[in-house]
Structures are given as C-alpha cells and as structure tokens.
Amino acid sequence: MRNDIGRLCQIPGYLSPVFYEKIIERNLCINGQKVLDIETGTAVLPRNMYQCGVKWTGSIGISDLLKTGRCSVTAG
C-alpha cells in the first residue's frame, strides 16, 4: 500500500485504507491477476492497487465502443 494513503484518503472521492485491506484479505487483487476496470473514471482504485502486482486495464467510454462493436458484428 502507498505510504501516503492516510493523507490521500482525505481527498473527496478517495477510498478509505480499510477498503483496500478488505480487497486484499479476500484475495480479489493478487499478484499476476488481470483486472478490467470498465468506466474507470479517475482511476483511483487501480492507482492504489498497483502495488499488489495486479495487471490493470481501465477504460473510459466503453459504452460507445461496445455500441460500435455491436454494429460491426450485426452489419456483417
């Protein structure tokens, strides 16, 4: 975990250190795991979970991409 998480979690929208501890306790973000974060927004979660060795892929605007993909598939 980041050393400055206590200071950073005071920023509005930042998640509590307890949230990250619970994720780790449940083995939801383990070294080498691949995570797709759809509509990642400000990427708060991936920035803080990076130290766990998770390979994180975030996307913004995925709904437009999916819509384009669906049109391509149905068109042929």
C-alpha atoms as a PDB file:
ATOM      1  CA  MET A   1       0.000   0.000   0.000  1.00  0.00           C
ATOM      2  CA  ARG A   2       1.101   3.550  -0.546  1.00  0.00           C
ATOM      3  CA  ASN A   3       2.711   5.244   2.439  1.00  0.00           C
ATOM      4  CA  ASP A   4       0.687   8.398   1.861  1.00  0.00           C
ATOM      5  CA  ILE A   5      -2.714   6.699   1.737  1.00  0.00           C
ATOM      6  CA  GLY A   6      -3.800   8.288   5.033  1.00  0.00           C
ATOM      7  CA  ARG A   7      -3.245  11.768   3.636  1.00  0.00           C
ATOM      8  CA  LEU A   8      -4.694  10.937   0.236  1.00  0.00           C
ATOM      9  CA  CYS A   9      -7.895   9.390   1.584  1.00  0.00           C
ATOM     10  CA  GLN A  10      -8.854  12.831   2.888  1.00  0.00           C
ATOM     11  CA  ILE A  11      -9.373  13.943  -0.718  1.00  0.00           C
ATOM     12  CA  PRO A  12     -13.084  13.783  -1.663  1.00  0.00           C
ATOM     13  CA  GLY A  13     -13.772  10.616  -3.633  1.00  0.00           C
ATOM     14  CA  TYR A  14     -10.749   8.792  -2.271  1.00  0.00           C
ATOM     15  CA  LEU A  15     -11.463   5.409  -0.715  1.00  0.00           C
ATOM     16  CA  SER A  16     -10.555   4.505   2.871  1.00  0.00           C
ATOM     17  CA  PRO A  17      -7.493   2.297   3.528  1.00  0.00           C
ATOM     18  CA  VAL A  18      -9.897  -0.237   5.091  1.00  0.00           C
ATOM     19  CA  PHE A  19     -11.499  -0.695   1.662  1.00  0.00           C
ATOM     20  CA  TYR A  20      -8.149  -1.753   0.155  1.00  0.00           C
ATOM     21  CA  GLU A  21      -7.344  -4.011   3.113  1.00  0.00           C
ATOM     22  CA  LYS A  22     -10.649  -5.854   2.605  1.00  0.00           C
ATOM     23  CA  ILE A  23      -9.905  -6.351  -1.088  1.00  0.00           C
ATOM     24  CA  ILE A  24      -6.516  -7.858  -0.238  1.00  0.00           C
ATOM     25  CA  GLU A  25      -7.935 -10.049   2.577  1.00  0.00           C
ATOM     26  CA  ARG A  26     -10.419 -11.562   0.119  1.00  0.00           C
ATOM     27  CA  ASN A  27      -7.686 -12.224  -2.491  1.00  0.00           C
ATOM     28  CA  LEU A  28      -9.542 -10.086  -5.014  1.00  0.00           C
ATOM     29  CA  CYS A  29      -6.361  -8.398  -6.231  1.00  0.00           C
ATOM     30  CA  ILE A  30      -3.454 -10.808  -6.189  1.00  0.00           C
ATOM     31  CA  ASN A  31      -0.080 -10.691  -7.897  1.00  0.00           C
ATOM     32  CA  GLY A  32      -0.367 -11.506 -11.592  1.00  0.00           C
ATOM     33  CA  GLN A  33      -4.146 -11.237 -11.712  1.00  0.00           C
ATOM     34  CA  LYS A  34      -5.684  -9.367 -14.657  1.00  0.00           C
ATOM     35  CA  VAL A  35      -8.414  -6.828 -13.907  1.00  0.00           C
ATOM     36  CA  LEU A  36     -10.596  -4.940 -16.374  1.00  0.00           C
ATOM     37  CA  ASP A  37     -11.967  -1.734 -14.883  1.00  0.00           C
ATOM     38  CA  ILE A  38     -14.839  -0.548 -17.070  1.00  0.00           C
ATOM     39  CA  GLU A  39     -15.554   3.184 -16.781  1.00  0.00           C
ATOM     40  CA  THR A  40     -12.509   3.638 -14.542  1.00  0.00           C
ATOM     41  CA  GLY A  41     -13.083   7.380 -14.234  1.00  0.00           C
ATOM     42  CA  THR A  42     -10.241   8.934 -12.240  1.00  0.00           C
ATOM     43  CA  ALA A  43      -8.551   5.523 -11.813  1.00  0.00           C
ATOM     44  CA  VAL A  44      -8.419   5.810  -8.018  1.00  0.00           C
ATOM     45  CA  LEU A  45      -8.694   2.066  -7.450  1.00  0.00           C
ATOM     46  CA  PRO A  46      -6.031   0.937  -9.954  1.00  0.00           C
ATOM     47  CA  ARG A  47      -3.580   3.590  -8.793  1.00  0.00           C
ATOM     48  CA  ASN A  48      -3.825   2.337  -5.237  1.00  0.00           C
ATOM     49  CA  MET A  49      -3.905  -1.389  -6.011  1.00  0.00           C
ATOM     50  CA  TYR A  50      -0.921  -1.242  -8.384  1.00  0.00           C
ATOM     51  CA  GLN A  51       1.433  -2.244  -5.546  1.00  0.00           C
ATOM     52  CA  CYS A  52      -0.307  -5.644  -5.321  1.00  0.00           C
ATOM     53  CA  GLY A  53       1.087  -6.648  -8.705  1.00  0.00           C
ATOM     54  CA  VAL A  54      -2.269  -6.635 -10.473  1.00  0.00           C
ATOM     55  CA  LYS A  55      -2.245  -6.067 -14.231  1.00  0.00           C
ATOM     56  CA  TRP A  56      -4.909  -3.408 -14.531  1.00  0.00           C
ATOM     57  CA  THR A  57      -6.649  -2.290 -17.712  1.00  0.00           C
ATOM     58  CA  GLY A  58      -9.005   0.647 -17.410  1.00  0.00           C
ATOM     59  CA  SER A  59     -11.283   2.136 -19.977  1.00  0.00           C
ATOM     60  CA  ILE A  60     -13.410   5.219 -20.230  1.00  0.00           C
ATOM     61  CA  GLY A  61     -16.301   5.498 -22.654  1.00  0.00           C
ATOM     62  CA  ILE A  62     -16.620   1.758 -23.108  1.00  0.00           C
ATOM     63  CA  SER A  63     -20.343   2.016 -23.840  1.00  0.00           C
ATOM     64  CA  ASP A  64     -19.586   3.806 -27.119  1.00  0.00           C
ATOM     65  CA  LEU A  65     -17.003   1.165 -28.010  1.00  0.00           C
ATOM     66  CA  LEU A  66     -19.435  -1.660 -27.281  1.00  0.00           C
ATOM     67  CA  LYS A  67     -22.107   0.041 -29.360  1.00  0.00           C
ATOM     68  CA  THR A  68     -19.649   0.326 -32.267  1.00  0.00           C
ATOM     69  CA  GLY A  69     -18.656  -3.318 -31.846  1.00  0.00           C
ATOM     70  CA  ARG A  70     -22.262  -4.497 -31.839  1.00  0.00           C
ATOM     71  CA  CYS A  71     -22.968  -2.522 -35.020  1.00  0.00           C
ATOM     72  CA  SER A  72     -19.935  -4.080 -36.697  1.00  0.00           C
ATOM     73  CA  VAL A  73     -20.993  -7.614 -35.747  1.00  0.00           C
ATOM     74  CA  THR A  74     -24.608  -7.218 -36.852  1.00  0.00           C
ATOM     75  CA  ALA A  75     -23.561  -5.499 -40.085  1.00  0.00           C
ATOM     76  CA  GLY A  76     -21.535  -8.329 -41.113  1.00  0.00           C
END
